[in-house]
C-alpha atoms as a PDB file:
ATOM      1  CA  MET A   1     160.363  62.598 108.500  1.00  0.00           C
ATOM      2  CA  ALA A   2     162.428  61.475 105.512  1.00  0.00           C
ATOM      3  CA  VAL A   3     165.631  62.005 107.485  1.00  0.00           C
ATOM      4  CA  TYR A   4     164.407  59.655 110.210  1.00  0.00           C
ATOM      5  CA  TYR A   5     163.713  56.779 107.806  1.00  0.00           C
ATOM      6  CA  LEU A   6     166.977  57.374 105.968  1.00  0.00           C
ATOM      7  CA  LEU A   7     168.909  57.148 109.248  1.00  0.00           C
ATOM      8  CA  LYS A   8     167.012  53.984 110.204  1.00  0.00           C
ATOM      9  CA  LEU A   9     167.985  52.424 106.880  1.00  0.00           C
ATOM     10  CA  VAL A  10     171.635  53.457 107.221  1.00  0.00           C
ATOM     11  CA  SER A  11     171.667  52.087 110.777  1.00  0.00           C
ATOM     12  CA  LEU A  12     170.272  48.760 109.571  1.00  0.00           C
ATOM     13  CA  VAL A  13     173.008  48.472 106.950  1.00  0.00           C
ATOM     14  CA  ALA A  14     175.715  49.513 109.444  1.00  0.00           C
ATOM     15  CA  CYS A  15     174.569  46.811 111.865  1.00  0.00           C
ATOM     16  CA  LEU A  16     175.021  44.165 109.172  1.00  0.00           C
ATOM     17  CA  LEU A  17     178.657  45.087 108.585  1.00  0.00           C
ATOM     18  CA  PRO A  18     181.581  43.357 110.318  1.00  0.00           C
ATOM     19  CA  ARG A  19     182.996  45.526 113.090  1.00  0.00           C
ATOM     20  CA  LYS A  20     186.352  46.259 111.440  1.00  0.00           C
ATOM     21  CA  LEU A  21     184.743  47.133 108.114  1.00  0.00           C
ATOM     22  CA  ALA A  22     182.266  49.463 109.818  1.00  0.00           C
ATOM     23  CA  ASP A  23     185.135  51.178 111.628  1.00  0.00           C
ATOM     24  CA  THR A  24     187.089  51.582 108.391  1.00  0.00           C
ATOM     25  CA  ILE A  25     184.062  53.095 106.678  1.00  0.00           C
ATOM     26  CA  GLY A  26     183.601  55.430 109.643  1.00  0.00           C
ATOM     27  CA  TRP A  27     187.146  56.753 109.316  1.00  0.00           C
ATOM     28  CA  GLY A  28     186.587  57.135 105.582  1.00  0.00           C
ATOM     29  CA  ILE A  29     183.469  59.210 106.213  1.00  0.00           C
ATOM     30  CA  GLY A  30     185.418  61.395 108.611  1.00  0.00           C
ATOM     31  CA  HIS A  31     188.193  62.048 106.098  1.00  0.00           C
ATOM     32  CA  LEU A  32     185.724  62.743 103.308  1.00  0.00           C
ATOM     33  CA  ALA A  33     183.773  65.177 105.489  1.00  0.00           C
ATOM     34  CA  TRP A  34     186.790  67.176 106.698  1.00  0.00           C
ATOM     35  CA  PRO A  35     187.193  69.184 103.439  1.00  0.00           C
ATOM     36  CA  LEU A  36     183.543  70.247 103.797  1.00  0.00           C
ATOM     37  CA  VAL A  37     184.237  72.014 107.108  1.00  0.00           C
ATOM     38  CA  THR A  38     184.466  75.760 106.489  1.00  0.00           C
ATOM     39  CA  LYS A  39     187.862  77.467 106.510  1.00  0.00           C
ATOM     40  CA  LYS A  40     186.630  79.728 109.296  1.00  0.00           C
ATOM     41  CA  ARG A  41     185.764  76.774 111.520  1.00  0.00           C
ATOM     42  CA  LYS A  42     189.050  75.017 110.768  1.00  0.00           C
ATOM     43  CA  GLN A  43     190.974  78.185 111.595  1.00  0.00           C
ATOM     44  CA  LEU A  44     189.054  78.462 114.868  1.00  0.00           C
ATOM     45  CA  ALA A  45     190.038  74.921 115.843  1.00  0.00           C
ATOM     46  CA  PHE A  46     193.683  75.562 114.889  1.00  0.00           C
ATOM     47  CA  THR A  47     193.789  78.800 116.873  1.00  0.00           C
ATOM     48  CA  GLN A  48     192.268  77.203 119.963  1.00  0.00           C
ATOM     49  CA  VAL A  49     194.656  74.244 119.837  1.00  0.00           C
ATOM     50  CA  GLN A  50     197.640  76.587 119.661  1.00  0.00           C
ATOM     51  CA  ALA A  51     196.357  78.830 122.446  1.00  0.00           C
ATOM     52  CA  CYS A  52     195.682  75.892 124.753  1.00  0.00           C
ATOM     53  CA  LEU A  53     198.527  73.491 123.991  1.00  0.00           C
ATOM     54  CA  LYS A  54     201.257  75.944 122.873  1.00  0.00           C
ATOM     55  CA  CYS A  55     202.299  73.644 120.024  1.00  0.00           C
ATOM     56  CA  ASP A  56     203.749  74.476 116.604  1.00  0.00           C
ATOM     57  CA  ASP A  57     201.643  75.014 113.489  1.00  0.00           C
ATOM     58  CA  ALA A  58     202.005  71.511 112.099  1.00  0.00           C
ATOM     59  CA  GLU A  59     200.980  69.855 115.361  1.00  0.00           C
ATOM     60  CA  ALA A  60     198.069  72.247 115.843  1.00  0.00           C
ATOM     61  CA  TRP A  61     196.709  71.476 112.379  1.00  0.00           C
ATOM     62  CA  ARG A  62     197.175  67.738 112.960  1.00  0.00           C
ATOM     63  CA  ILE A  63     195.197  67.830 116.209  1.00  0.00           C
ATOM     64  CA  ALA A  64     192.484  70.059 114.742  1.00  0.00           C
ATOM     65  CA  LYS A  65     191.960  67.720 111.782  1.00  0.00           C
ATOM     66  CA  ALA A  66     192.094  64.569 113.925  1.00  0.00           C
ATOM     67  CA  SER A  67     189.436  66.064 116.196  1.00  0.00           C
ATOM     68  CA  GLY A  68     187.095  66.604 113.253  1.00  0.00           C
ATOM     69  CA  VAL A  69     187.760  63.339 111.443  1.00  0.00           C
ATOM     70  CA  ARG A  70     186.893  61.351 114.571  1.00  0.00           C
ATOM     71  CA  PHE A  71     183.217  62.143 114.050  1.00  0.00           C
ATOM     72  CA  GLY A  72     183.162  59.519 111.288  1.00  0.00           C
ATOM     73  CA  PRO A  73     183.820  56.452 113.457  1.00  0.00           C
ATOM     74  CA  MET A  74     181.810  58.027 116.270  1.00  0.00           C
ATOM     75  CA  LEU A  75     178.788  58.310 113.962  1.00  0.00           C
ATOM     76  CA  MET A  76     179.252  54.720 112.830  1.00  0.00           C
ATOM     77  CA  GLU A  77     179.243  53.511 116.436  1.00  0.00           C
ATOM     78  CA  VAL A  78     176.002  55.378 117.133  1.00  0.00           C
ATOM     79  CA  LEU A  79     174.424  53.794 114.053  1.00  0.00           C
ATOM     80  CA  ARG A  80     175.514  50.404 115.388  1.00  0.00           C
ATOM     81  CA  PHE A  81     173.995  50.819 118.859  1.00  0.00           C
ATOM     82  CA  PRO A  82     171.618  47.850 118.286  1.00  0.00           C
ATOM     83  CA  VAL A  83     174.710  45.619 117.851  1.00  0.00           C
ATOM     84  CA  ILE A  84     176.815  47.290 120.533  1.00  0.00           C
ATOM     85  CA  LYS A  85     174.005  46.878 123.069  1.00  0.00           C
ATOM     86  CA  ARG A  86     174.324  43.092 122.822  1.00  0.00           C
ATOM     87  CA  HIS A  87     178.104  43.156 123.290  1.00  0.00           C
ATOM     88  CA  ALA A  88     178.757  46.333 125.291  1.00  0.00           C
ATOM     89  CA  SER A  89     181.719  44.946 127.238  1.00  0.00           C
ATOM     90  CA  ASP A  90     183.483  44.112 123.953  1.00  0.00           C
ATOM     91  CA  TYR A  91     183.420  47.797 123.079  1.00  0.00           C
ATOM     92  CA  VAL A  92     183.887  49.578 126.419  1.00  0.00           C
ATOM     93  CA  SER A  93     185.766  48.840 129.641  1.00  0.00           C
ATOM     94  CA  ILE A  94     184.844  50.902 132.697  1.00  0.00           C
ATOM     95  CA  GLN A  95     187.363  51.842 135.369  1.00  0.00           C
ATOM     96  CA  GLY A  96     185.938  53.171 138.638  1.00  0.00           C
ATOM     97  CA  LEU A  97     182.461  51.697 138.217  1.00  0.00           C
ATOM     98  CA  GLU A  98     182.535  50.863 141.926  1.00  0.00           C
ATOM     99  CA  TYR A  99     182.321  54.574 142.797  1.00  0.00           C
ATOM    100  CA  LEU A 100     178.946  54.831 141.091  1.00  0.00           C
ATOM    101  CA  GLN A 101     177.713  51.555 142.544  1.00  0.00           C
ATOM    102  CA  ALA A 102     178.582  52.701 146.058  1.00  0.00           C
ATOM    103  CA  ALA A 103     176.714  55.981 145.551  1.00  0.00           C
ATOM    104  CA  LEU A 104     173.616  54.171 144.297  1.00  0.00           C
ATOM    105  CA  LYS A 105     173.490  52.195 147.535  1.00  0.00           C
ATOM    106  CA  GLU A 106     172.879  55.486 149.340  1.00  0.00           C
ATOM    107  CA  GLY A 107     169.721  55.974 147.291  1.00  0.00           C
ATOM    108  CA  LYS A 108     170.110  59.688 146.470  1.00  0.00           C
ATOM    109  CA  GLY A 109     171.389  59.428 142.899  1.00  0.00           C
ATOM    110  CA  GLY A 110     174.179  61.638 141.671  1.00  0.00           C
ATOM    111  CA  ILE A 111     175.718  63.454 138.739  1.00  0.00           C
ATOM    112  CA  ILE A 112     178.135  62.247 136.078  1.00  0.00           C
ATOM    113  CA  MET A 113     180.107  65.140 134.614  1.00  0.00           C
ATOM    114  CA  THR A 114     181.836  64.706 131.273  1.00  0.00           C
ATOM    115  CA  ALA A 115     182.993  66.559 128.168  1.00  0.00           C
ATOM    116  CA  HIS A 116     182.758  66.383 124.380  1.00  0.00           C
ATOM    117  CA  SER A 117     185.763  64.093 124.278  1.00  0.00           C
ATOM    118  CA  GLY A 118     185.833  60.572 122.909  1.00  0.00           C
ATOM    119  CA  ASN A 119     182.468  59.040 122.027  1.00  0.00           C
ATOM    120  CA  TRP A 120     180.278  60.708 124.642  1.00  0.00           C
ATOM    121  CA  GLU A 121     177.167  59.134 123.089  1.00  0.00           C
ATOM    122  CA  LEU A 122     178.549  55.653 123.669  1.00  0.00           C
ATOM    123  CA  MET A 123     179.549  56.612 127.214  1.00  0.00           C
ATOM    124  CA  GLY A 124     175.940  56.910 128.340  1.00  0.00           C
ATOM    125  CA  GLY A 125     175.083  53.572 126.791  1.00  0.00           C
ATOM    126  CA  ALA A 126     178.070  51.895 128.439  1.00  0.00           C
ATOM    127  CA  PHE A 127     176.945  53.094 131.858  1.00  0.00           C
ATOM    128  CA  ALA A 128     173.371  51.975 131.225  1.00  0.00           C
ATOM    129  CA  GLN A 129     174.468  48.522 130.041  1.00  0.00           C
ATOM    130  CA  ALA A 130     176.661  48.205 133.148  1.00  0.00           C
ATOM    131  CA  GLY A 131     173.583  48.635 135.353  1.00  0.00           C
ATOM    132  CA  ILE A 132     173.850  52.356 136.136  1.00  0.00           C
ATOM    133  CA  PRO A 133     170.435  54.059 135.830  1.00  0.00           C
ATOM    134  CA  LEU A 134     171.318  57.097 133.734  1.00  0.00           C
ATOM    135  CA  VAL A 135     169.480  60.179 132.527  1.00  0.00           C
ATOM    136  CA  GLY A 136     171.101  61.531 129.386  1.00  0.00           C
ATOM    137  CA  VAL A 137     170.575  65.268 129.030  1.00  0.00           C
ATOM    138  CA  ALA A 138     170.243  66.000 125.322  1.00  0.00           C
ATOM    139  CA  GLU A 139     170.049  69.056 123.122  1.00  0.00           C
ATOM    140  CA  GLN A 140     167.136  68.909 120.728  1.00  0.00           C
ATOM    141  CA  GLN A 141     168.155  68.498 117.086  1.00  0.00           C
ATOM    142  CA  ARG A 142     166.874  71.059 114.618  1.00  0.00           C
ATOM    143  CA  ASP A 143     165.577  68.362 112.291  1.00  0.00           C
ATOM    144  CA  LYS A 144     162.694  66.480 113.911  1.00  0.00           C
ATOM    145  CA  GLY A 145     163.571  63.261 112.117  1.00  0.00           C
ATOM    146  CA  ALA A 146     167.180  63.351 113.286  1.00  0.00           C
ATOM    147  CA  ASP A 147     166.010  64.175 116.813  1.00  0.00           C
ATOM    148  CA  ARG A 148     163.590  61.240 116.825  1.00  0.00           C
ATOM    149  CA  PHE A 149     166.313  58.895 115.598  1.00  0.00           C
ATOM    150  CA  MET A 150     168.850  60.019 118.223  1.00  0.00           C
ATOM    151  CA  ILE A 151     166.313  59.690 121.036  1.00  0.00           C
ATOM    152  CA  GLU A 152     165.477  56.162 119.850  1.00  0.00           C
ATOM    153  CA  MET A 153     169.156  55.143 119.702  1.00  0.00           C
ATOM    154  CA  ARG A 154     169.906  56.546 123.157  1.00  0.00           C
ATOM    155  CA  THR A 155     166.816  54.902 124.625  1.00  0.00           C
ATOM    156  CA  LEU A 156     167.584  51.615 122.878  1.00  0.00           C
ATOM    157  CA  ILE A 157     170.972  51.385 124.542  1.00  0.00           C
ATOM    158  CA  GLY A 158     169.424  51.963 127.953  1.00  0.00           C
ATOM    159  CA  MET A 159     169.395  55.682 128.732  1.00  0.00           C
ATOM    160  CA  HIS A 160     166.473  57.761 129.921  1.00  0.00           C
ATOM    161  CA  ILE A 161     166.550  60.962 127.880  1.00  0.00           C
ATOM    162  CA  THR A 162     165.452  64.460 128.804  1.00  0.00           C
ATOM    163  CA  TYR A 163     166.184  67.776 127.130  1.00  0.00           C
ATOM    164  CA  LYS A 164     168.313  70.518 128.679  1.00  0.00           C
ATOM    165  CA  SER A 165     165.154  72.410 129.595  1.00  0.00           C
ATOM    166  CA  GLY A 166     163.874  69.516 131.716  1.00  0.00           C
ATOM    167  CA  VAL A 167     165.529  70.553 134.991  1.00  0.00           C
ATOM    168  CA  ARG A 168     162.543  69.515 137.105  1.00  0.00           C
ATOM    169  CA  GLU A 169     162.583  66.064 135.508  1.00  0.00           C
ATOM    170  CA  MET A 170     166.293  65.752 136.272  1.00  0.00           C
ATOM    171  CA  PHE A 171     165.659  66.382 139.964  1.00  0.00           C
ATOM    172  CA  ASP A 172     162.710  63.995 139.936  1.00  0.00           C
ATOM    173  CA  MET A 173     164.825  61.246 138.378  1.00  0.00           C
ATOM    174  CA  MET A 174     167.673  61.899 140.804  1.00  0.00           C
ATOM    175  CA  ALA A 175     165.202  61.371 143.650  1.00  0.00           C
ATOM    176  CA  LYS A 176     164.512  57.969 142.078  1.00  0.00           C
ATOM    177  CA  ASN A 177     168.226  57.151 142.406  1.00  0.00           C
ATOM    178  CA  PHE A 178     169.237  57.923 138.831  1.00  0.00           C
ATOM    179  CA  MET A 179     172.561  59.407 137.769  1.00  0.00           C
ATOM    180  CA  ILE A 180     172.238  62.596 135.723  1.00  0.00           C
ATOM    181  CA  GLY A 181     174.721  62.789 132.848  1.00  0.00           C
ATOM    182  CA  LEU A 182     175.860  66.331 132.114  1.00  0.00           C
ATOM    183  CA  ILE A 183     178.264  67.403 129.352  1.00  0.00           C
ATOM    184  CA  MET A 184     179.812  70.531 130.804  1.00  0.00           C
ATOM    185  CA  ASP A 185     182.500  71.828 128.443  1.00  0.00           C
ATOM    186  CA  GLN A 186     180.588  73.895 125.878  1.00  0.00           C
ATOM    187  CA  ASP A 187     180.457  77.681 125.997  1.00  0.00           C
ATOM    188  CA  PRO A 188     177.421  78.930 127.968  1.00  0.00           C
ATOM    189  CA  SER A 189     175.813  82.341 128.088  1.00  0.00           C
ATOM    190  CA  VAL A 190     177.323  84.720 130.614  1.00  0.00           C
ATOM    191  CA  LYS A 191     174.320  84.348 132.935  1.00  0.00           C
ATOM    192  CA  ASP A 192     174.626  80.545 132.948  1.00  0.00           C
ATOM    193  CA  GLY A 193     178.334  80.340 133.732  1.00  0.00           C
ATOM    194  CA  VAL A 194     181.153  81.430 136.017  1.00  0.00           C
ATOM    195  CA  LEU A 195     184.744  82.301 135.181  1.00  0.00           C
ATOM    196  CA  VAL A 196     187.342  79.602 135.801  1.00  0.00           C
ATOM    197  CA  ARG A 197     190.925  79.009 134.729  1.00  0.00           C
ATOM    198  CA  PHE A 198     190.901  76.601 131.806  1.00  0.00           C
ATOM    199  CA  PHE A 199     194.101  76.096 129.824  1.00  0.00           C
ATOM    200  CA  ASP A 200     195.455  79.122 131.699  1.00  0.00           C
ATOM    201  CA  GLN A 201     192.741  81.329 130.229  1.00  0.00           C
ATOM    202  CA  ALA A 202     189.717  82.980 131.771  1.00  0.00           C
ATOM    203  CA  THR A 203     186.884  80.747 130.593  1.00  0.00           C
ATOM    204  CA  ASN A 204     183.139  80.971 131.094  1.00  0.00           C
ATOM    205  CA  TYR A 205     182.057  77.546 132.359  1.00  0.00           C
ATOM    206  CA  LEU A 206     178.707  75.868 132.886  1.00  0.00           C
ATOM    207  CA  THR A 207     177.680  75.532 136.532  1.00  0.00           C
ATOM    208  CA  GLY A 208     174.968  72.864 136.232  1.00  0.00           C
ATOM    209  CA  ALA A 209     176.860  70.023 137.909  1.00  0.00           C
ATOM    210  CA  ALA A 210     178.042  72.134 140.844  1.00  0.00           C
ATOM    211  CA  SER A 211     174.651  73.827 141.291  1.00  0.00           C
ATOM    212  CA  MET A 212     172.707  70.563 141.279  1.00  0.00           C
ATOM    213  CA  GLY A 213     175.271  68.824 143.441  1.00  0.00           C
ATOM    214  CA  ARG A 214     175.166  71.594 146.014  1.00  0.00           C
ATOM    215  CA  PHE A 215     171.374  71.830 146.058  1.00  0.00           C
ATOM    216  CA  ARG A 216     170.833  68.085 146.590  1.00  0.00           C
ATOM    217  CA  THR A 217     174.113  67.305 148.401  1.00  0.00           C
ATOM    218  CA  VAL A 218     174.861  64.503 145.958  1.00  0.00           C
ATOM    219  CA  PRO A 219     178.204  63.342 144.551  1.00  0.00           C
ATOM    220  CA  ILE A 220     179.563  64.534 141.219  1.00  0.00           C
ATOM    221  CA  PHE A 221     181.582  61.941 139.293  1.00  0.00           C
ATOM    222  CA  PRO A 222     183.970  63.214 136.613  1.00  0.00           C
ATOM    223  CA  ALA A 223     184.079  60.613 133.833  1.00  0.00           C
ATOM    224  CA  PHE A 224     185.860  60.615 130.483  1.00  0.00           C
ATOM    225  CA  MET A 225     186.072  58.273 127.517  1.00  0.00           C
ATOM    226  CA  HIS A 226     189.202  57.351 125.556  1.00  0.00           C
ATOM    227  CA  ARG A 227     189.331  55.301 122.357  1.00  0.00           C
ATOM    228  CA  ASP A 228     192.251  53.090 121.365  1.00  0.00           C
ATOM    229  CA  ASP A 229     192.212  53.598 117.604  1.00  0.00           C
ATOM    230  CA  ALA A 230     194.325  50.481 116.992  1.00  0.00           C
ATOM    231  CA  THR A 231     191.644  48.206 118.428  1.00  0.00           C
ATOM    232  CA  GLY A 232     188.524  50.397 118.447  1.00  0.00           C
ATOM    233  CA  HIS A 233     188.079  49.653 122.154  1.00  0.00           C
ATOM    234  CA  HIS A 234     187.047  52.400 124.568  1.00  0.00           C
ATOM    235  CA  THR A 235     188.124  52.922 128.154  1.00  0.00           C
ATOM    236  CA  LEU A 236     185.710  54.837 130.357  1.00  0.00           C
ATOM    237  CA  ILE A 237     187.406  56.286 133.432  1.00  0.00           C
ATOM    238  CA  VAL A 238     185.294  57.335 136.430  1.00  0.00           C
ATOM    239  CA  SER A 239     186.999  59.470 139.089  1.00  0.00           C
ATOM    240  CA  PRO A 240     186.172  59.480 142.811  1.00  0.00           C
ATOM    241  CA  PRO A 241     183.227  61.705 143.781  1.00  0.00           C
ATOM    242  CA  ILE A 242     183.431  65.443 144.292  1.00  0.00           C
ATOM    243  CA  TYR A 243     181.004  67.228 146.613  1.00  0.00           C
ATOM    244  CA  CYS A 244     180.101  70.894 146.369  1.00  0.00           C
ATOM    245  CA  GLU A 245     180.387  72.616 149.732  1.00  0.00           C
ATOM    246  CA  ARG A 246     177.429  74.449 151.256  1.00  0.00           C
ATOM    247  CA  THR A 247     178.760  77.596 152.898  1.00  0.00           C
ATOM    248  CA  LYS A 248     177.013  80.941 153.199  1.00  0.00           C
ATOM    249  CA  ASP A 249     178.598  82.024 149.912  1.00  0.00           C
ATOM    250  CA  LYS A 250     176.680  80.013 147.320  1.00  0.00           C
ATOM    251  CA  ARG A 251     178.385  81.570 144.307  1.00  0.00           C
ATOM    252  CA  ALA A 252     181.843  80.911 145.732  1.00  0.00           C
ATOM    253  CA  ASP A 253     180.896  77.279 146.469  1.00  0.00           C
ATOM    254  CA  ILE A 254     179.726  76.775 142.887  1.00  0.00           C
ATOM    255  CA  GLN A 255     182.711  78.579 141.378  1.00  0.00           C
ATOM    256  CA  ARG A 256     185.172  76.536 143.440  1.00  0.00           C
ATOM    257  CA  THR A 257     183.616  73.192 142.472  1.00  0.00           C
ATOM    258  CA  THR A 258     183.261  74.222 138.832  1.00  0.00           C
ATOM    259  CA  GLN A 259     186.961  75.054 138.826  1.00  0.00           C
ATOM    260  CA  GLN A 260     187.742  71.546 140.100  1.00  0.00           C
ATOM    261  CA  LEU A 261     185.686  70.021 137.309  1.00  0.00           C
ATOM    262  CA  ALA A 262     187.242  72.275 134.672  1.00  0.00           C
ATOM    263  CA  THR A 263     190.736  71.354 135.847  1.00  0.00           C
ATOM    264  CA  LEU A 264     190.005  67.632 135.614  1.00  0.00           C
ATOM    265  CA  THR A 265     188.544  68.141 132.140  1.00  0.00           C
ATOM    266  CA  GLU A 266     191.647  70.030 131.052  1.00  0.00           C
ATOM    267  CA  GLN A 267     193.893  67.262 132.351  1.00  0.00           C
ATOM    268  CA  HIS A 268     192.028  64.685 130.275  1.00  0.00           C
ATOM    269  CA  ILE A 269     192.120  66.859 127.136  1.00  0.00           C
ATOM    270  CA  ARG A 270     195.866  67.417 127.498  1.00  0.00           C
ATOM    271  CA  LYS A 271     196.326  63.656 127.660  1.00  0.00           C
ATOM    272  CA  TYR A 272     194.140  62.959 124.609  1.00  0.00           C
ATOM    273  CA  PRO A 273     193.923  66.258 122.670  1.00  0.00           C
ATOM    274  CA  GLU A 274     192.816  64.660 119.388  1.00  0.00           C
ATOM    275  CA  GLU A 275     189.608  63.458 121.038  1.00  0.00           C
ATOM    276  CA  TRP A 276     188.223  66.823 122.169  1.00  0.00           C
ATOM    277  CA  PHE A 277     185.801  68.867 120.050  1.00  0.00           C
ATOM    278  CA  TRP A 278     188.094  71.765 119.079  1.00  0.00           C
ATOM    279  CA  LEU A 279     185.719  72.961 116.343  1.00  0.00           C
ATOM    280  CA  HIS A 280     183.434  74.506 118.981  1.00  0.00           C
ATOM    281  CA  ASP A 281     183.995  78.225 119.714  1.00  0.00           C
ATOM    282  CA  ARG A 282     184.804  77.742 123.393  1.00  0.00           C
ATOM    283  CA  TRP A 283     185.665  81.358 124.296  1.00  0.00           C
ATOM    284  CA  LYS A 284     182.931  83.274 122.449  1.00  0.00           C
ATOM    285  CA  SER A 285     181.041  84.366 125.576  1.00  0.00           C
ATOM    286  CA  VAL A 286     184.263  85.588 127.203  1.00  0.00           C
ATOM    287  CA  ARG A 287     185.043  87.740 124.163  1.00  0.00           C
ATOM    288  CA  ARG A 288     181.530  89.173 124.035  1.00  0.00           C
ATOM    289  CA  GLY A 289     180.424  89.216 127.662  1.00  0.00           C
ATOM    290  CA  TYR A 290     183.444  90.316 129.688  1.00  0.00           C
ATOM    291  CA  THR A 291     185.654  93.381 129.549  1.00  0.00           C
ATOM    292  CA  LYS A 292     189.435  93.157 129.527  1.00  0.00           C
ATOM    293  CA  GLU A 293     189.420  94.680 132.998  1.00  0.00           C
ATOM    294  CA  GLN A 294     187.101  91.947 134.308  1.00  0.00           C
ATOM    295  CA  ILE A 295     189.224  89.206 132.770  1.00  0.00           C
ATOM    296  CA  ASP A 296     192.483  90.700 134.076  1.00  0.00           C
ATOM    297  CA  ALA A 297     190.998  91.081 137.561  1.00  0.00           C
ATOM    298  CA  PHE A 298     189.856  87.454 137.576  1.00  0.00           C
ATOM    299  CA  MET A 299     193.186  86.113 136.331  1.00  0.00           C
ATOM    300  CA  ASN A 300     195.106  88.161 138.913  1.00  0.00           C
ATOM    301  CA  ALA A 301     192.815  86.969 141.716  1.00  0.00           C
ATOM    302  CA  SER A 302     193.108  83.338 140.598  1.00  0.00           C
ATOM    303  CA  ARG A 303     196.904  83.477 140.853  1.00  0.00           C
ATOM    304  CA  GLN A 304     196.797  84.464 144.519  1.00  0.00           C
END
């Protein structure tokens, strides 16, 4: 558990720093860490930026690097959760909070759908500090000490945490009028996704939000975070609710709603491309799990 105690110590020191100094150190960490990213991973990010945004080489490399460097200040903000908790509104402004508040009055809970864009860790804390009962769905860290630390930080700032495998707990908490926070933009296995158009490419996309929304007939709220680097202040934008239809064709219902969510995610990424996690291999399952004929057939059908 040495990693856990080391992170606790670093967090304690980070909380003692003035905000601007902590932010400066965070950017410094990001720039120092960028050369340590493998050439293969950097090339992947560059290639994906070009394929999605159709920009020139210089711009693609700029966006790819900016996306990676941002993890420095993001890490610093997570380390400073004990401070941020006491002054949450100084760090994050929420637009569209009334949509969530109205849904909570109905007593059925709901789903918040987001992406790995901006500081998604701080997003959950901002909702919790604004009075939204939130279940953060986490992926277990390989190192037990790091996992313990992250769970403590997320719980400290007000989230209830469950792992991705805890689907039953998610439904139980939704029945208690909690919002379930789902990050939906990473590449799933073929069996866990459906094909959608994403940056004009056939993309395998997670169906969790649409599936849960359809099963419980609860609203899905797309929400994305943007950071103003000049001030360090975040804006959290919540969109009006989306409902998954319940027709006789369950798969079509889920695919249609997932496409809506993917389109909204793409729109946000196009607006703030430096804030998305381009280092993730987003199209791996498409390359490995679908034939060219299947992809061509889907793309042709989606154009009709």
